[in-house]
Structures are given as C-alpha cells and as structure tokens.
N, C-alpha and C. Protein backbone atom coordinates (compact mmCIF):
# COMPACT_ATOMS: atom_id res chain seq x y z
N MET A 1 1.52 21.15 0.69
CA MET A 1 0.88 21.10 -0.61
C MET A 1 0.39 22.48 -1.02
N LEU A 2 -0.08 23.25 -0.05
CA LEU A 2 -0.53 24.61 -0.37
C LEU A 2 0.63 25.44 -0.92
N ALA A 3 1.80 25.28 -0.33
CA ALA A 3 2.98 26.01 -0.82
C ALA A 3 3.33 25.57 -2.23
N TYR A 4 3.28 24.27 -2.49
CA TYR A 4 3.58 23.76 -3.83
C TYR A 4 2.54 24.26 -4.84
N ALA A 5 1.27 24.23 -4.46
CA ALA A 5 0.21 24.71 -5.35
C ALA A 5 0.40 26.19 -5.67
N ALA A 6 1.01 26.93 -4.72
CA ALA A 6 1.25 28.35 -4.93
C ALA A 6 2.52 28.61 -5.74
N GLY A 7 3.23 27.55 -6.13
CA GLY A 7 4.39 27.73 -6.98
C GLY A 7 5.74 27.46 -6.33
N ASP A 8 5.76 27.04 -5.09
CA ASP A 8 7.02 26.76 -4.40
C ASP A 8 7.49 25.34 -4.75
N ALA A 9 8.40 25.24 -5.70
CA ALA A 9 8.88 23.93 -6.18
C ALA A 9 9.58 23.14 -5.07
N ALA A 10 10.24 23.80 -4.16
CA ALA A 10 10.93 23.11 -3.07
C ALA A 10 9.93 22.38 -2.16
N ALA A 11 8.73 22.88 -2.06
CA ALA A 11 7.70 22.23 -1.24
C ALA A 11 7.38 20.84 -1.79
N PHE A 12 7.41 20.70 -3.11
CA PHE A 12 7.17 19.38 -3.70
C PHE A 12 8.25 18.40 -3.25
N GLY A 13 9.49 18.85 -3.20
CA GLY A 13 10.58 18.00 -2.74
C GLY A 13 10.34 17.48 -1.34
N GLN A 14 9.82 18.34 -0.49
CA GLN A 14 9.52 17.92 0.89
C GLN A 14 8.38 16.90 0.92
N LEU A 15 7.33 17.14 0.14
CA LEU A 15 6.22 16.19 0.08
C LEU A 15 6.70 14.83 -0.43
N TYR A 16 7.48 14.88 -1.48
CA TYR A 16 7.99 13.65 -2.09
C TYR A 16 8.87 12.88 -1.10
N ALA A 17 9.78 13.58 -0.45
CA ALA A 17 10.67 12.92 0.51
C ALA A 17 9.89 12.30 1.67
N ARG A 18 8.85 12.96 2.10
CA ARG A 18 8.07 12.49 3.24
C ARG A 18 7.21 11.27 2.91
N HIS A 19 6.73 11.17 1.68
CA HIS A 19 5.73 10.16 1.35
C HIS A 19 6.19 9.09 0.37
N ARG A 20 7.35 9.23 -0.24
CA ARG A 20 7.74 8.32 -1.31
C ARG A 20 7.89 6.87 -0.85
N GLY A 21 8.56 6.66 0.28
CA GLY A 21 8.81 5.29 0.74
C GLY A 21 7.54 4.53 1.06
N LYS A 22 6.67 5.15 1.82
CA LYS A 22 5.43 4.47 2.21
C LYS A 22 4.52 4.26 1.01
N LEU A 23 4.44 5.23 0.12
CA LEU A 23 3.60 5.07 -1.07
C LEU A 23 4.13 3.94 -1.94
N TYR A 24 5.43 3.90 -2.13
CA TYR A 24 6.01 2.84 -2.98
C TYR A 24 5.75 1.46 -2.36
N ARG A 25 5.96 1.33 -1.05
CA ARG A 25 5.72 0.04 -0.40
C ARG A 25 4.25 -0.37 -0.53
N TYR A 26 3.35 0.58 -0.38
CA TYR A 26 1.92 0.30 -0.54
C TYR A 26 1.63 -0.24 -1.94
N LEU A 27 2.15 0.44 -2.95
CA LEU A 27 1.92 0.01 -4.32
C LEU A 27 2.56 -1.35 -4.60
N LEU A 28 3.76 -1.55 -4.09
CA LEU A 28 4.46 -2.81 -4.32
C LEU A 28 3.71 -3.97 -3.66
N ARG A 29 3.20 -3.75 -2.46
CA ARG A 29 2.47 -4.83 -1.76
C ARG A 29 1.16 -5.13 -2.48
N GLN A 30 0.55 -4.13 -3.08
CA GLN A 30 -0.70 -4.35 -3.80
C GLN A 30 -0.46 -5.03 -5.15
N LEU A 31 0.57 -4.61 -5.85
CA LEU A 31 0.82 -5.08 -7.22
C LEU A 31 1.71 -6.31 -7.30
N ARG A 32 2.64 -6.44 -6.33
CA ARG A 32 3.58 -7.56 -6.28
C ARG A 32 4.43 -7.68 -7.55
N ASP A 33 4.76 -6.54 -8.12
CA ASP A 33 5.57 -6.51 -9.33
C ASP A 33 6.36 -5.20 -9.31
N ASN A 34 7.68 -5.31 -9.24
CA ASN A 34 8.52 -4.10 -9.12
C ASN A 34 8.32 -3.14 -10.27
N ALA A 35 8.32 -3.64 -11.49
CA ALA A 35 8.19 -2.76 -12.66
C ALA A 35 6.84 -2.06 -12.67
N LEU A 36 5.79 -2.79 -12.34
CA LEU A 36 4.46 -2.21 -12.31
C LEU A 36 4.33 -1.20 -11.16
N ALA A 37 4.92 -1.53 -10.02
CA ALA A 37 4.90 -0.59 -8.89
C ALA A 37 5.64 0.69 -9.25
N ASP A 38 6.77 0.56 -9.94
CA ASP A 38 7.51 1.75 -10.39
C ASP A 38 6.64 2.61 -11.29
N GLU A 39 5.95 1.97 -12.22
CA GLU A 39 5.09 2.69 -13.16
C GLU A 39 3.96 3.41 -12.42
N PHE A 40 3.31 2.72 -11.52
CA PHE A 40 2.21 3.33 -10.78
C PHE A 40 2.71 4.45 -9.88
N PHE A 41 3.87 4.25 -9.27
CA PHE A 41 4.46 5.26 -8.40
C PHE A 41 4.66 6.56 -9.18
N GLN A 42 5.25 6.44 -10.36
CA GLN A 42 5.46 7.63 -11.20
C GLN A 42 4.14 8.25 -11.61
N ASP A 43 3.16 7.40 -11.95
CA ASP A 43 1.86 7.89 -12.38
C ASP A 43 1.15 8.66 -11.27
N VAL A 44 1.21 8.14 -10.05
CA VAL A 44 0.56 8.82 -8.93
C VAL A 44 1.19 10.19 -8.71
N TRP A 45 2.53 10.25 -8.72
CA TRP A 45 3.19 11.54 -8.52
C TRP A 45 2.92 12.49 -9.68
N GLN A 46 2.80 11.95 -10.89
CA GLN A 46 2.46 12.80 -12.04
C GLN A 46 1.07 13.40 -11.86
N ARG A 47 0.17 12.61 -11.32
CA ARG A 47 -1.19 13.12 -11.07
C ARG A 47 -1.19 14.19 -9.99
N VAL A 48 -0.32 14.04 -9.01
CA VAL A 48 -0.18 15.08 -7.98
C VAL A 48 0.30 16.37 -8.62
N VAL A 49 1.31 16.28 -9.46
CA VAL A 49 1.84 17.46 -10.14
C VAL A 49 0.76 18.10 -11.01
N SER A 50 0.05 17.28 -11.76
CA SER A 50 -0.98 17.80 -12.67
C SER A 50 -2.13 18.46 -11.94
N ALA A 51 -2.45 17.97 -10.75
CA ALA A 51 -3.62 18.47 -10.02
C ALA A 51 -3.28 19.55 -9.00
N ARG A 52 -2.03 19.97 -8.95
CA ARG A 52 -1.62 20.89 -7.88
C ARG A 52 -2.39 22.19 -7.89
N ALA A 53 -2.67 22.74 -9.05
CA ALA A 53 -3.33 24.04 -9.12
C ALA A 53 -4.75 23.97 -8.56
N GLY A 54 -5.39 22.84 -8.71
CA GLY A 54 -6.76 22.72 -8.24
C GLY A 54 -6.91 22.09 -6.87
N TRP A 55 -5.80 21.81 -6.20
CA TRP A 55 -5.87 21.11 -4.92
C TRP A 55 -6.44 22.02 -3.84
N THR A 56 -7.37 21.48 -3.08
CA THR A 56 -7.91 22.18 -1.92
C THR A 56 -7.75 21.27 -0.72
N PRO A 57 -7.46 21.84 0.43
CA PRO A 57 -7.20 21.01 1.61
C PRO A 57 -8.47 20.46 2.27
N ASP A 58 -9.28 19.72 1.49
CA ASP A 58 -10.48 19.09 2.05
C ASP A 58 -10.10 17.95 2.98
N ALA A 59 -8.97 17.33 2.70
CA ALA A 59 -8.45 16.23 3.52
C ALA A 59 -6.94 16.41 3.59
N GLY A 60 -6.29 15.65 4.43
CA GLY A 60 -4.85 15.74 4.53
C GLY A 60 -4.19 15.30 3.23
N PHE A 61 -2.97 15.74 3.03
CA PHE A 61 -2.27 15.39 1.80
C PHE A 61 -2.13 13.88 1.64
N ALA A 62 -1.76 13.19 2.73
CA ALA A 62 -1.58 11.73 2.65
C ALA A 62 -2.88 11.05 2.23
N THR A 63 -3.99 11.51 2.76
CA THR A 63 -5.28 10.94 2.39
C THR A 63 -5.53 11.14 0.90
N TRP A 64 -5.27 12.33 0.42
CA TRP A 64 -5.46 12.63 -0.99
C TRP A 64 -4.52 11.79 -1.85
N LEU A 65 -3.27 11.67 -1.44
CA LEU A 65 -2.28 10.90 -2.19
C LEU A 65 -2.71 9.44 -2.31
N TYR A 66 -3.13 8.83 -1.19
CA TYR A 66 -3.52 7.43 -1.22
C TYR A 66 -4.87 7.23 -1.91
N THR A 67 -5.69 8.24 -1.95
CA THR A 67 -6.92 8.16 -2.72
C THR A 67 -6.58 8.06 -4.21
N ILE A 68 -5.62 8.85 -4.64
CA ILE A 68 -5.17 8.78 -6.04
C ILE A 68 -4.63 7.36 -6.32
N ALA A 69 -3.80 6.85 -5.43
CA ALA A 69 -3.23 5.52 -5.62
C ALA A 69 -4.33 4.45 -5.63
N HIS A 70 -5.28 4.58 -4.71
CA HIS A 70 -6.40 3.63 -4.62
C HIS A 70 -7.19 3.60 -5.93
N HIS A 71 -7.50 4.77 -6.45
CA HIS A 71 -8.27 4.83 -7.70
C HIS A 71 -7.46 4.27 -8.87
N ARG A 72 -6.17 4.54 -8.87
CA ARG A 72 -5.32 4.02 -9.95
C ARG A 72 -5.25 2.50 -9.88
N LEU A 73 -5.14 1.95 -8.68
CA LEU A 73 -5.15 0.49 -8.52
C LEU A 73 -6.49 -0.10 -8.94
N GLY A 74 -7.57 0.55 -8.55
CA GLY A 74 -8.90 0.08 -8.94
C GLY A 74 -9.05 0.02 -10.45
N ASP A 75 -8.58 1.05 -11.13
CA ASP A 75 -8.62 1.06 -12.60
C ASP A 75 -7.84 -0.12 -13.16
N HIS A 76 -6.68 -0.37 -12.57
CA HIS A 76 -5.83 -1.48 -13.02
C HIS A 76 -6.53 -2.82 -12.84
N TRP A 77 -7.09 -3.06 -11.65
CA TRP A 77 -7.73 -4.36 -11.39
C TRP A 77 -8.94 -4.55 -12.29
N ARG A 78 -9.70 -3.48 -12.50
CA ARG A 78 -10.85 -3.60 -13.39
C ARG A 78 -10.42 -3.94 -14.80
N SER A 79 -9.31 -3.37 -15.23
CA SER A 79 -8.85 -3.64 -16.59
C SER A 79 -8.37 -5.09 -16.74
N LEU A 80 -7.89 -5.68 -15.68
CA LEU A 80 -7.40 -7.06 -15.74
C LEU A 80 -8.48 -8.09 -15.41
N LYS A 81 -9.51 -7.65 -14.69
CA LYS A 81 -10.59 -8.54 -14.26
C LYS A 81 -10.14 -9.63 -13.30
N HIS A 82 -8.94 -9.50 -12.78
CA HIS A 82 -8.46 -10.46 -11.77
C HIS A 82 -7.24 -9.87 -11.08
N ARG A 83 -6.86 -10.48 -10.00
CA ARG A 83 -5.66 -10.07 -9.25
C ARG A 83 -4.55 -11.06 -9.61
N PRO A 84 -3.42 -10.56 -10.03
CA PRO A 84 -2.35 -11.47 -10.45
C PRO A 84 -1.77 -12.27 -9.30
N ALA A 85 -1.21 -13.40 -9.66
CA ALA A 85 -0.56 -14.25 -8.66
C ALA A 85 0.76 -13.62 -8.25
N ALA A 86 1.29 -14.09 -7.15
CA ALA A 86 2.60 -13.63 -6.70
C ALA A 86 3.64 -13.98 -7.77
N PRO A 87 4.71 -13.21 -7.87
CA PRO A 87 5.74 -13.52 -8.87
C PRO A 87 6.26 -14.94 -8.69
N SER A 88 6.58 -15.59 -9.79
CA SER A 88 7.04 -16.98 -9.71
C SER A 88 8.36 -17.11 -8.98
N ASP A 89 9.15 -16.05 -8.95
CA ASP A 89 10.44 -16.11 -8.28
C ASP A 89 10.43 -15.45 -6.91
N ALA A 90 9.27 -15.32 -6.30
CA ALA A 90 9.16 -14.64 -5.01
C ALA A 90 10.02 -15.31 -3.94
N ASP A 91 9.99 -16.65 -3.89
CA ASP A 91 10.80 -17.36 -2.89
C ASP A 91 12.29 -17.14 -3.13
N GLU A 92 12.69 -17.12 -4.40
CA GLU A 92 14.10 -16.89 -4.72
C GLU A 92 14.52 -15.47 -4.32
N ARG A 93 13.66 -14.50 -4.56
CA ARG A 93 13.97 -13.11 -4.18
C ARG A 93 14.20 -13.00 -2.68
N LEU A 94 13.31 -13.62 -1.91
CA LEU A 94 13.45 -13.56 -0.46
C LEU A 94 14.69 -14.32 0.00
N ALA A 95 15.01 -15.41 -0.67
CA ALA A 95 16.17 -16.19 -0.28
C ALA A 95 17.48 -15.43 -0.54
N ARG A 96 17.48 -14.50 -1.49
CA ARG A 96 18.69 -13.74 -1.82
C ARG A 96 18.94 -12.58 -0.87
N VAL A 97 17.99 -12.29 0.01
CA VAL A 97 18.17 -11.18 0.94
C VAL A 97 19.26 -11.54 1.94
N ALA A 98 20.27 -10.69 2.03
CA ALA A 98 21.39 -10.95 2.93
C ALA A 98 20.94 -10.81 4.38
N ASP A 99 21.39 -11.72 5.22
CA ASP A 99 21.03 -11.69 6.63
C ASP A 99 22.18 -12.30 7.43
N PRO A 100 22.70 -11.60 8.43
CA PRO A 100 23.84 -12.11 9.19
C PRO A 100 23.46 -13.21 10.19
N ASP A 101 22.19 -13.52 10.33
CA ASP A 101 21.78 -14.51 11.32
C ASP A 101 22.10 -15.94 10.85
N THR A 102 21.87 -16.87 11.73
CA THR A 102 22.14 -18.27 11.43
C THR A 102 21.16 -18.77 10.37
N PRO A 103 21.52 -19.85 9.67
CA PRO A 103 20.62 -20.40 8.65
C PRO A 103 19.27 -20.83 9.23
N GLU A 104 19.28 -21.34 10.45
CA GLU A 104 18.03 -21.77 11.06
C GLU A 104 17.10 -20.58 11.31
N ARG A 105 17.69 -19.49 11.80
CA ARG A 105 16.89 -18.29 12.06
C ARG A 105 16.37 -17.69 10.76
N VAL A 106 17.23 -17.69 9.77
CA VAL A 106 16.83 -17.17 8.45
C VAL A 106 15.65 -17.98 7.93
N LEU A 107 15.74 -19.29 8.02
CA LEU A 107 14.68 -20.15 7.54
C LEU A 107 13.40 -19.93 8.33
N SER A 108 13.52 -19.79 9.63
CA SER A 108 12.36 -19.55 10.48
C SER A 108 11.69 -18.23 10.13
N GLU A 109 12.49 -17.19 9.99
CA GLU A 109 11.96 -15.87 9.64
C GLU A 109 11.33 -15.90 8.25
N PHE A 110 12.00 -16.56 7.32
CA PHE A 110 11.48 -16.68 5.95
C PHE A 110 10.12 -17.37 5.98
N GLU A 111 10.03 -18.44 6.74
CA GLU A 111 8.77 -19.20 6.80
C GLU A 111 7.66 -18.36 7.42
N ARG A 112 7.97 -17.60 8.48
CA ARG A 112 6.96 -16.73 9.09
C ARG A 112 6.48 -15.67 8.11
N ARG A 113 7.42 -15.07 7.41
CA ARG A 113 7.04 -14.05 6.42
C ARG A 113 6.23 -14.65 5.28
N ARG A 114 6.63 -15.83 4.85
CA ARG A 114 5.91 -16.50 3.77
C ARG A 114 4.48 -16.81 4.21
N GLN A 115 4.35 -17.30 5.44
CA GLN A 115 3.02 -17.61 5.95
C GLN A 115 2.17 -16.34 6.07
N LEU A 116 2.80 -15.24 6.53
CA LEU A 116 2.07 -13.98 6.63
C LEU A 116 1.65 -13.49 5.25
N GLN A 117 2.56 -13.57 4.27
CA GLN A 117 2.22 -13.13 2.92
C GLN A 117 1.11 -13.99 2.34
N LEU A 118 1.16 -15.29 2.55
CA LEU A 118 0.10 -16.17 2.07
C LEU A 118 -1.23 -15.83 2.74
N ALA A 119 -1.18 -15.56 4.04
CA ALA A 119 -2.40 -15.19 4.76
C ALA A 119 -2.94 -13.85 4.24
N LEU A 120 -2.05 -12.89 3.98
CA LEU A 120 -2.47 -11.61 3.41
C LEU A 120 -3.08 -11.81 2.02
N ASP A 121 -2.46 -12.67 1.24
CA ASP A 121 -2.96 -12.94 -0.11
C ASP A 121 -4.35 -13.57 -0.09
N ASP A 122 -4.64 -14.32 0.97
CA ASP A 122 -5.94 -14.98 1.07
C ASP A 122 -7.06 -14.03 1.52
N LEU A 123 -6.70 -12.86 2.02
CA LEU A 123 -7.73 -11.91 2.46
C LEU A 123 -8.46 -11.35 1.25
N PRO A 124 -9.75 -11.06 1.41
CA PRO A 124 -10.46 -10.35 0.34
C PRO A 124 -9.77 -9.00 0.11
N GLU A 125 -9.82 -8.52 -1.12
CA GLU A 125 -9.10 -7.30 -1.49
C GLU A 125 -9.44 -6.12 -0.58
N GLU A 126 -10.72 -5.95 -0.24
CA GLU A 126 -11.12 -4.81 0.60
C GLU A 126 -10.49 -4.88 1.98
N GLN A 127 -10.42 -6.09 2.54
CA GLN A 127 -9.83 -6.25 3.87
C GLN A 127 -8.32 -6.05 3.82
N ARG A 128 -7.67 -6.60 2.80
CA ARG A 128 -6.22 -6.45 2.67
C ARG A 128 -5.85 -4.98 2.51
N GLU A 129 -6.61 -4.26 1.71
CA GLU A 129 -6.29 -2.86 1.47
C GLU A 129 -6.39 -2.03 2.75
N VAL A 130 -7.47 -2.17 3.51
CA VAL A 130 -7.58 -1.36 4.73
C VAL A 130 -6.53 -1.77 5.75
N LEU A 131 -6.19 -3.05 5.80
CA LEU A 131 -5.16 -3.51 6.73
C LEU A 131 -3.80 -2.90 6.37
N LEU A 132 -3.44 -2.91 5.11
CA LEU A 132 -2.16 -2.34 4.69
C LEU A 132 -2.14 -0.82 4.90
N LEU A 133 -3.24 -0.15 4.61
CA LEU A 133 -3.28 1.30 4.82
C LEU A 133 -3.15 1.63 6.30
N ARG A 134 -3.74 0.83 7.15
CA ARG A 134 -3.69 1.09 8.60
C ARG A 134 -2.31 0.75 9.19
N LEU A 135 -1.81 -0.45 8.89
CA LEU A 135 -0.58 -0.91 9.53
C LEU A 135 0.68 -0.36 8.88
N GLU A 136 0.73 -0.33 7.58
CA GLU A 136 1.96 0.11 6.91
C GLU A 136 1.99 1.62 6.70
N GLN A 137 0.86 2.20 6.38
CA GLN A 137 0.84 3.64 6.10
C GLN A 137 0.46 4.46 7.33
N GLU A 138 -0.01 3.77 8.38
CA GLU A 138 -0.39 4.39 9.65
C GLU A 138 -1.44 5.49 9.47
N LEU A 139 -2.41 5.23 8.58
CA LEU A 139 -3.49 6.19 8.36
C LEU A 139 -4.60 5.94 9.38
N THR A 140 -5.37 6.98 9.65
CA THR A 140 -6.49 6.86 10.58
C THR A 140 -7.65 6.16 9.88
N LEU A 141 -8.61 5.73 10.68
CA LEU A 141 -9.80 5.09 10.10
C LEU A 141 -10.54 6.04 9.18
N GLU A 142 -10.59 7.31 9.56
CA GLU A 142 -11.27 8.31 8.75
C GLU A 142 -10.55 8.50 7.42
N GLU A 143 -9.22 8.55 7.46
CA GLU A 143 -8.44 8.72 6.22
C GLU A 143 -8.62 7.51 5.31
N ILE A 144 -8.62 6.33 5.88
CA ILE A 144 -8.82 5.11 5.09
C ILE A 144 -10.21 5.12 4.47
N GLY A 145 -11.21 5.55 5.25
CA GLY A 145 -12.57 5.65 4.73
C GLY A 145 -12.66 6.61 3.56
N THR A 146 -11.97 7.73 3.68
CA THR A 146 -11.95 8.70 2.58
C THR A 146 -11.30 8.11 1.34
N ILE A 147 -10.20 7.42 1.52
CA ILE A 147 -9.47 6.82 0.40
C ILE A 147 -10.30 5.76 -0.30
N THR A 148 -10.92 4.88 0.49
CA THR A 148 -11.64 3.74 -0.08
C THR A 148 -13.10 4.04 -0.39
N GLY A 149 -13.59 5.17 0.08
CA GLY A 149 -14.97 5.56 -0.22
C GLY A 149 -16.01 4.85 0.63
N VAL A 150 -15.62 4.41 1.82
CA VAL A 150 -16.57 3.76 2.73
C VAL A 150 -16.53 4.48 4.08
N GLY A 151 -17.50 4.20 4.90
CA GLY A 151 -17.58 4.84 6.21
C GLY A 151 -16.60 4.27 7.22
N ARG A 152 -16.43 5.02 8.30
CA ARG A 152 -15.49 4.64 9.36
C ARG A 152 -15.83 3.27 9.94
N GLU A 153 -17.10 3.01 10.16
CA GLU A 153 -17.52 1.73 10.75
C GLU A 153 -17.24 0.57 9.80
N THR A 154 -17.38 0.80 8.51
CA THR A 154 -17.06 -0.24 7.53
C THR A 154 -15.57 -0.52 7.55
N VAL A 155 -14.75 0.53 7.67
CA VAL A 155 -13.30 0.34 7.77
C VAL A 155 -12.98 -0.48 9.02
N LYS A 156 -13.58 -0.13 10.16
CA LYS A 156 -13.34 -0.87 11.40
C LYS A 156 -13.72 -2.34 11.23
N SER A 157 -14.86 -2.58 10.60
CA SER A 157 -15.32 -3.94 10.39
C SER A 157 -14.36 -4.72 9.51
N ARG A 158 -13.92 -4.10 8.42
CA ARG A 158 -12.98 -4.78 7.52
C ARG A 158 -11.66 -5.08 8.23
N LEU A 159 -11.19 -4.15 9.05
CA LEU A 159 -9.96 -4.38 9.82
C LEU A 159 -10.13 -5.53 10.80
N ARG A 160 -11.26 -5.54 11.49
CA ARG A 160 -11.51 -6.60 12.47
C ARG A 160 -11.56 -7.97 11.78
N TYR A 161 -12.30 -8.07 10.68
CA TYR A 161 -12.38 -9.34 9.97
C TYR A 161 -11.01 -9.76 9.42
N ALA A 162 -10.24 -8.81 8.91
CA ALA A 162 -8.91 -9.12 8.39
C ALA A 162 -8.02 -9.66 9.50
N MET A 163 -8.01 -9.00 10.64
CA MET A 163 -7.17 -9.44 11.76
C MET A 163 -7.62 -10.82 12.26
N ASP A 164 -8.93 -11.04 12.35
CA ASP A 164 -9.43 -12.35 12.78
C ASP A 164 -8.97 -13.45 11.82
N LYS A 165 -9.03 -13.17 10.52
CA LYS A 165 -8.61 -14.17 9.53
C LYS A 165 -7.10 -14.41 9.60
N LEU A 166 -6.34 -13.35 9.83
CA LEU A 166 -4.88 -13.54 9.96
C LEU A 166 -4.55 -14.36 11.19
N ARG A 167 -5.20 -14.05 12.30
CA ARG A 167 -4.95 -14.82 13.53
C ARG A 167 -5.30 -16.31 13.35
N ALA A 168 -6.40 -16.55 12.67
CA ALA A 168 -6.84 -17.93 12.47
C ALA A 168 -5.93 -18.66 11.49
N GLY A 169 -5.34 -17.94 10.55
CA GLY A 169 -4.53 -18.58 9.52
C GLY A 169 -3.05 -18.71 9.84
N LEU A 170 -2.60 -18.07 10.92
CA LEU A 170 -1.18 -18.13 11.25
C LEU A 170 -0.95 -18.96 12.50
N PRO A 171 0.13 -19.75 12.53
CA PRO A 171 0.43 -20.53 13.74
C PRO A 171 0.86 -19.60 14.87
N ALA A 172 0.59 -20.04 16.07
CA ALA A 172 0.91 -19.22 17.25
C ALA A 172 2.37 -19.12 17.52
C-alpha cells in the first residue's frame, strides 16, 4: 500500500489480486445478494483508491480494508433498519451447483450446508461478523477488534458464544 500511495500503480494490482476473493466472499456472505455484493465490492475498492494519498500504516492493509467494508455494511444496515432475508431462490442456486458425486452425497452435503447457513443466519450480527472475519478471512483477534471497534477480549467472547451456538444448533 505504501508503494501504491507513492504512485506505483502496479502495487494496486498486487493488493487487488491478493485481497479481492476474500473481500468479495465476506461481502457476499454478509449481504446475501450478488448484485449488492458487487456494488459494495466496487465501493470499497473505490474508497481505497480515494484514500491512498492519506493512508498511513497504523494497521495492516487487510485490517484497514475490512474496516472500510465493515463501516460500509454498517451504513447499509442502518439505512435499512433490518437485515434482509436470504434470497428466495437460495435453495435453487445451491441445487444448480454441478457436483460429480452421487445424488445422496449431494443431498447430504446440501443439507449440511443449509443447516450451517441457517445456524449462521440465527447468530446475532456481531457474533456472525467476527466469526466470518476469523474463519473466512483468517484475521487475528486484534485485527478483528480494530475492524469492529471493540477490544480483543470482546472479540474472543463473541467468537466463543458464536461457536457455542453453532455447536448447539447443528447435528453431530
């Protein structure tokens, strides 16, 4: 990011290549809408471009990037005053995913994923967010705390409660 802030355009390409997949998955899991995730994805990267001149390495780039995404999501949820339901065609989308396994295995895997998604959906927003940042984005507790604006111990507590709720809500 320092190289990009100094004017090296190729450095942006490296940052984008390194972080695009995980950022997009994070936004998609939070928003559950491809078009909205695309919009937010572009908006977050636009904010990175706009803020490059003033960027200082107070935290790692990934922490800063997910902080931008976190704030953008917060603005969105506040504007809606609620969290939207899963897309009405979510089951159909999952059913269309090609899989060479047997129909029984496909159904079993589909059911496990559906149960996990339902369990994730039932988590309070704060717990779901720290869980996704930790497991999918592989961020440290300190980075998650910086992104969400809470202390390390609060992050640990939210993770513990989220995992306990997932374990209780999923069949063995």
